[in-house]
Amino acid sequence: MTKEEKITAYVTKYALTKGIFVVNANICKDISPLMISYRIDNDNDWNYYAHKGEWYTSLPEAIQKANKMRIERISSLRKSISKVENMEFKIINKDLSVGKL
């Protein structure tokens, strides 16, 4: 078994819900050099995993990714809002005939 390579990583996987995690991570060389495993809480036995694009080795790159995620989410929400604003309701009578309001 090889010694695991430890790095400091900035995980953006949960940036929009929890924030950017700064973690001491292991590179999963046996699986993929682009994958890391880490623990958020040392009292917890759970390992978390992140793949390329979900973690970075520099804070500026992680912040840039989080900002891109935010912009994409805002765009998605605007599209959803637009669909609801332009929604037409179907009126369904008990005899199942359909009309529009």
C-alpha atoms as a PDB file:
ATOM      1  CA  MET A   1       0.000   0.000   0.000  1.00  0.00           C
ATOM      2  CA  THR A   2       1.382   3.412  -0.934  1.00  0.00           C
ATOM      3  CA  LYS A   3       1.403   6.366   1.387  1.00  0.00           C
ATOM      4  CA  GLU A   4      -1.532   8.662   0.677  1.00  0.00           C
ATOM      5  CA  GLU A   5      -0.713  12.090  -0.680  1.00  0.00           C
ATOM      6  CA  LYS A   6      -2.337  14.820   1.434  1.00  0.00           C
ATOM      7  CA  ILE A   7      -3.257  18.215   0.041  1.00  0.00           C
ATOM      8  CA  THR A   8      -5.193  21.270   1.114  1.00  0.00           C
ATOM      9  CA  ALA A   9      -8.240  21.478  -1.115  1.00  0.00           C
ATOM     10  CA  TYR A  10     -11.047  23.990  -1.545  1.00  0.00           C
ATOM     11  CA  VAL A  11     -14.237  22.018  -2.169  1.00  0.00           C
ATOM     12  CA  THR A  12     -16.935  23.875  -4.107  1.00  0.00           C
ATOM     13  CA  LYS A  13     -19.333  20.939  -4.394  1.00  0.00           C
ATOM     14  CA  TYR A  14     -21.642  22.461  -1.748  1.00  0.00           C
ATOM     15  CA  ALA A  15     -20.788  26.129  -2.340  1.00  0.00           C
ATOM     16  CA  LEU A  16     -24.385  27.239  -2.907  1.00  0.00           C
ATOM     17  CA  THR A  17     -25.783  25.467   0.143  1.00  0.00           C
ATOM     18  CA  LYS A  18     -23.015  25.271   2.746  1.00  0.00           C
ATOM     19  CA  GLY A  19     -20.116  27.295   1.365  1.00  0.00           C
ATOM     20  CA  ILE A  20     -16.589  26.467   0.228  1.00  0.00           C
ATOM     21  CA  PHE A  21     -14.945  23.864   2.451  1.00  0.00           C
ATOM     22  CA  VAL A  22     -11.221  24.085   3.170  1.00  0.00           C
ATOM     23  CA  VAL A  23     -10.122  20.508   3.843  1.00  0.00           C
ATOM     24  CA  ASN A  24      -7.069  18.330   4.277  1.00  0.00           C
ATOM     25  CA  ALA A  25      -7.726  15.746   1.598  1.00  0.00           C
ATOM     26  CA  ASN A  26      -6.245  12.532   0.289  1.00  0.00           C
ATOM     27  CA  ILE A  27      -5.794  12.125  -3.444  1.00  0.00           C
ATOM     28  CA  CYS A  28      -7.487   8.863  -4.464  1.00  0.00           C
ATOM     29  CA  LYS A  29      -4.591   7.666  -6.635  1.00  0.00           C
ATOM     30  CA  ASP A  30      -5.860   4.082  -6.727  1.00  0.00           C
ATOM     31  CA  ILE A  31      -9.193   5.241  -8.178  1.00  0.00           C
ATOM     32  CA  SER A  32      -8.380   8.502  -9.979  1.00  0.00           C
ATOM     33  CA  PRO A  33      -5.764  11.207  -9.435  1.00  0.00           C
ATOM     34  CA  LEU A  34      -8.567  13.699 -10.090  1.00  0.00           C
ATOM     35  CA  MET A  35     -10.602  12.510  -7.094  1.00  0.00           C
ATOM     36  CA  ILE A  36     -10.127  13.362  -3.418  1.00  0.00           C
ATOM     37  CA  SER A  37     -11.494  12.028  -0.156  1.00  0.00           C
ATOM     38  CA  TYR A  38     -11.826  14.126   2.972  1.00  0.00           C
ATOM     39  CA  ARG A  39     -13.600  14.485   6.279  1.00  0.00           C
ATOM     40  CA  ILE A  40     -15.459  17.588   7.314  1.00  0.00           C
ATOM     41  CA  ASP A  41     -15.497  16.714  11.010  1.00  0.00           C
ATOM     42  CA  ASN A  42     -12.762  14.596  12.615  1.00  0.00           C
ATOM     43  CA  ASP A  43     -15.306  13.179  15.088  1.00  0.00           C
ATOM     44  CA  ASN A  44     -17.258  11.795  12.133  1.00  0.00           C
ATOM     45  CA  ASP A  45     -16.338   8.474  10.505  1.00  0.00           C
ATOM     46  CA  TRP A  46     -17.786   9.520   7.122  1.00  0.00           C
ATOM     47  CA  ASN A  47     -15.516  10.161   4.171  1.00  0.00           C
ATOM     48  CA  TYR A  48     -16.679  12.630   1.559  1.00  0.00           C
ATOM     49  CA  TYR A  49     -15.523  12.517  -2.050  1.00  0.00           C
ATOM     50  CA  ALA A  50     -15.104  15.171  -4.706  1.00  0.00           C
ATOM     51  CA  HIS A  51     -14.176  14.854  -8.359  1.00  0.00           C
ATOM     52  CA  LYS A  52     -12.326  17.215 -10.698  1.00  0.00           C
ATOM     53  CA  GLY A  53     -14.312  20.427 -11.040  1.00  0.00           C
ATOM     54  CA  GLU A  54     -15.681  20.105  -7.491  1.00  0.00           C
ATOM     55  CA  TRP A  55     -12.372  20.921  -5.765  1.00  0.00           C
ATOM     56  CA  TYR A  56      -9.400  23.205  -6.346  1.00  0.00           C
ATOM     57  CA  THR A  57      -5.944  23.713  -4.871  1.00  0.00           C
ATOM     58  CA  SER A  58      -6.194  27.506  -4.872  1.00  0.00           C
ATOM     59  CA  LEU A  59      -8.781  29.692  -3.168  1.00  0.00           C
ATOM     60  CA  PRO A  60      -9.106  32.162  -6.095  1.00  0.00           C
ATOM     61  CA  GLU A  61     -10.013  29.267  -8.449  1.00  0.00           C
ATOM     62  CA  ALA A  62     -12.573  27.964  -5.952  1.00  0.00           C
ATOM     63  CA  ILE A  63     -14.163  31.400  -5.571  1.00  0.00           C
ATOM     64  CA  GLN A  64     -14.304  31.773  -9.360  1.00  0.00           C
ATOM     65  CA  LYS A  65     -16.078  28.398  -9.634  1.00  0.00           C
ATOM     66  CA  ALA A  66     -18.531  29.293  -6.829  1.00  0.00           C
ATOM     67  CA  ASN A  67     -19.368  32.583  -8.568  1.00  0.00           C
ATOM     68  CA  LYS A  68     -19.965  30.721 -11.845  1.00  0.00           C
ATOM     69  CA  MET A  69     -22.256  28.280 -10.000  1.00  0.00           C
ATOM     70  CA  ARG A  70     -24.174  31.211  -8.488  1.00  0.00           C
ATOM     71  CA  ILE A  71     -24.649  32.914 -11.873  1.00  0.00           C
ATOM     72  CA  GLU A  72     -25.871  29.661 -13.447  1.00  0.00           C
ATOM     73  CA  ARG A  73     -28.300  29.054 -10.567  1.00  0.00           C
ATOM     74  CA  ILE A  74     -29.698  32.589 -10.781  1.00  0.00           C
ATOM     75  CA  SER A  75     -30.218  32.114 -14.530  1.00  0.00           C
ATOM     76  CA  SER A  76     -32.027  28.833 -13.900  1.00  0.00           C
ATOM     77  CA  LEU A  77     -34.270  30.425 -11.263  1.00  0.00           C
ATOM     78  CA  ARG A  78     -35.119  33.320 -13.598  1.00  0.00           C
ATOM     79  CA  LYS A  79     -36.214  30.837 -16.259  1.00  0.00           C
ATOM     80  CA  SER A  80     -38.381  29.026 -13.694  1.00  0.00           C
ATOM     81  CA  ILE A  81     -39.933  32.301 -12.531  1.00  0.00           C
ATOM     82  CA  SER A  82     -40.658  33.281 -16.139  1.00  0.00           C
ATOM     83  CA  LYS A  83     -42.434  29.975 -16.762  1.00  0.00           C
ATOM     84  CA  VAL A  84     -44.639  30.473 -13.700  1.00  0.00           C
ATOM     85  CA  GLU A  85     -45.388  34.102 -14.608  1.00  0.00           C
ATOM     86  CA  ASN A  86     -46.472  33.075 -18.116  1.00  0.00           C
ATOM     87  CA  MET A  87     -48.406  30.041 -16.988  1.00  0.00           C
ATOM     88  CA  GLU A  88     -51.951  29.530 -18.239  1.00  0.00           C
ATOM     89  CA  PHE A  89     -54.300  27.500 -16.114  1.00  0.00           C
ATOM     90  CA  LYS A  90     -56.424  24.739 -17.538  1.00  0.00           C
ATOM     91  CA  ILE A  91     -59.964  24.604 -16.245  1.00  0.00           C
ATOM     92  CA  ILE A  92     -61.148  21.030 -15.863  1.00  0.00           C
ATOM     93  CA  ASN A  93     -64.876  20.543 -15.327  1.00  0.00           C
ATOM     94  CA  LYS A  94     -66.200  17.531 -13.530  1.00  0.00           C
ATOM     95  CA  ASP A  95     -67.213  16.106 -16.907  1.00  0.00           C
ATOM     96  CA  LEU A  96     -63.476  16.289 -17.778  1.00  0.00           C
ATOM     97  CA  SER A  97     -63.871  18.863 -20.526  1.00  0.00           C
ATOM     98  CA  VAL A  98     -60.846  21.146 -20.678  1.00  0.00           C
ATOM     99  CA  GLY A  99     -60.699  24.866 -21.298  1.00  0.00           C
ATOM    100  CA  LYS A 100     -58.137  27.625 -20.708  1.00  0.00           C
ATOM    101  CA  LEU A 101     -58.373  30.612 -18.444  1.00  0.00           C
END
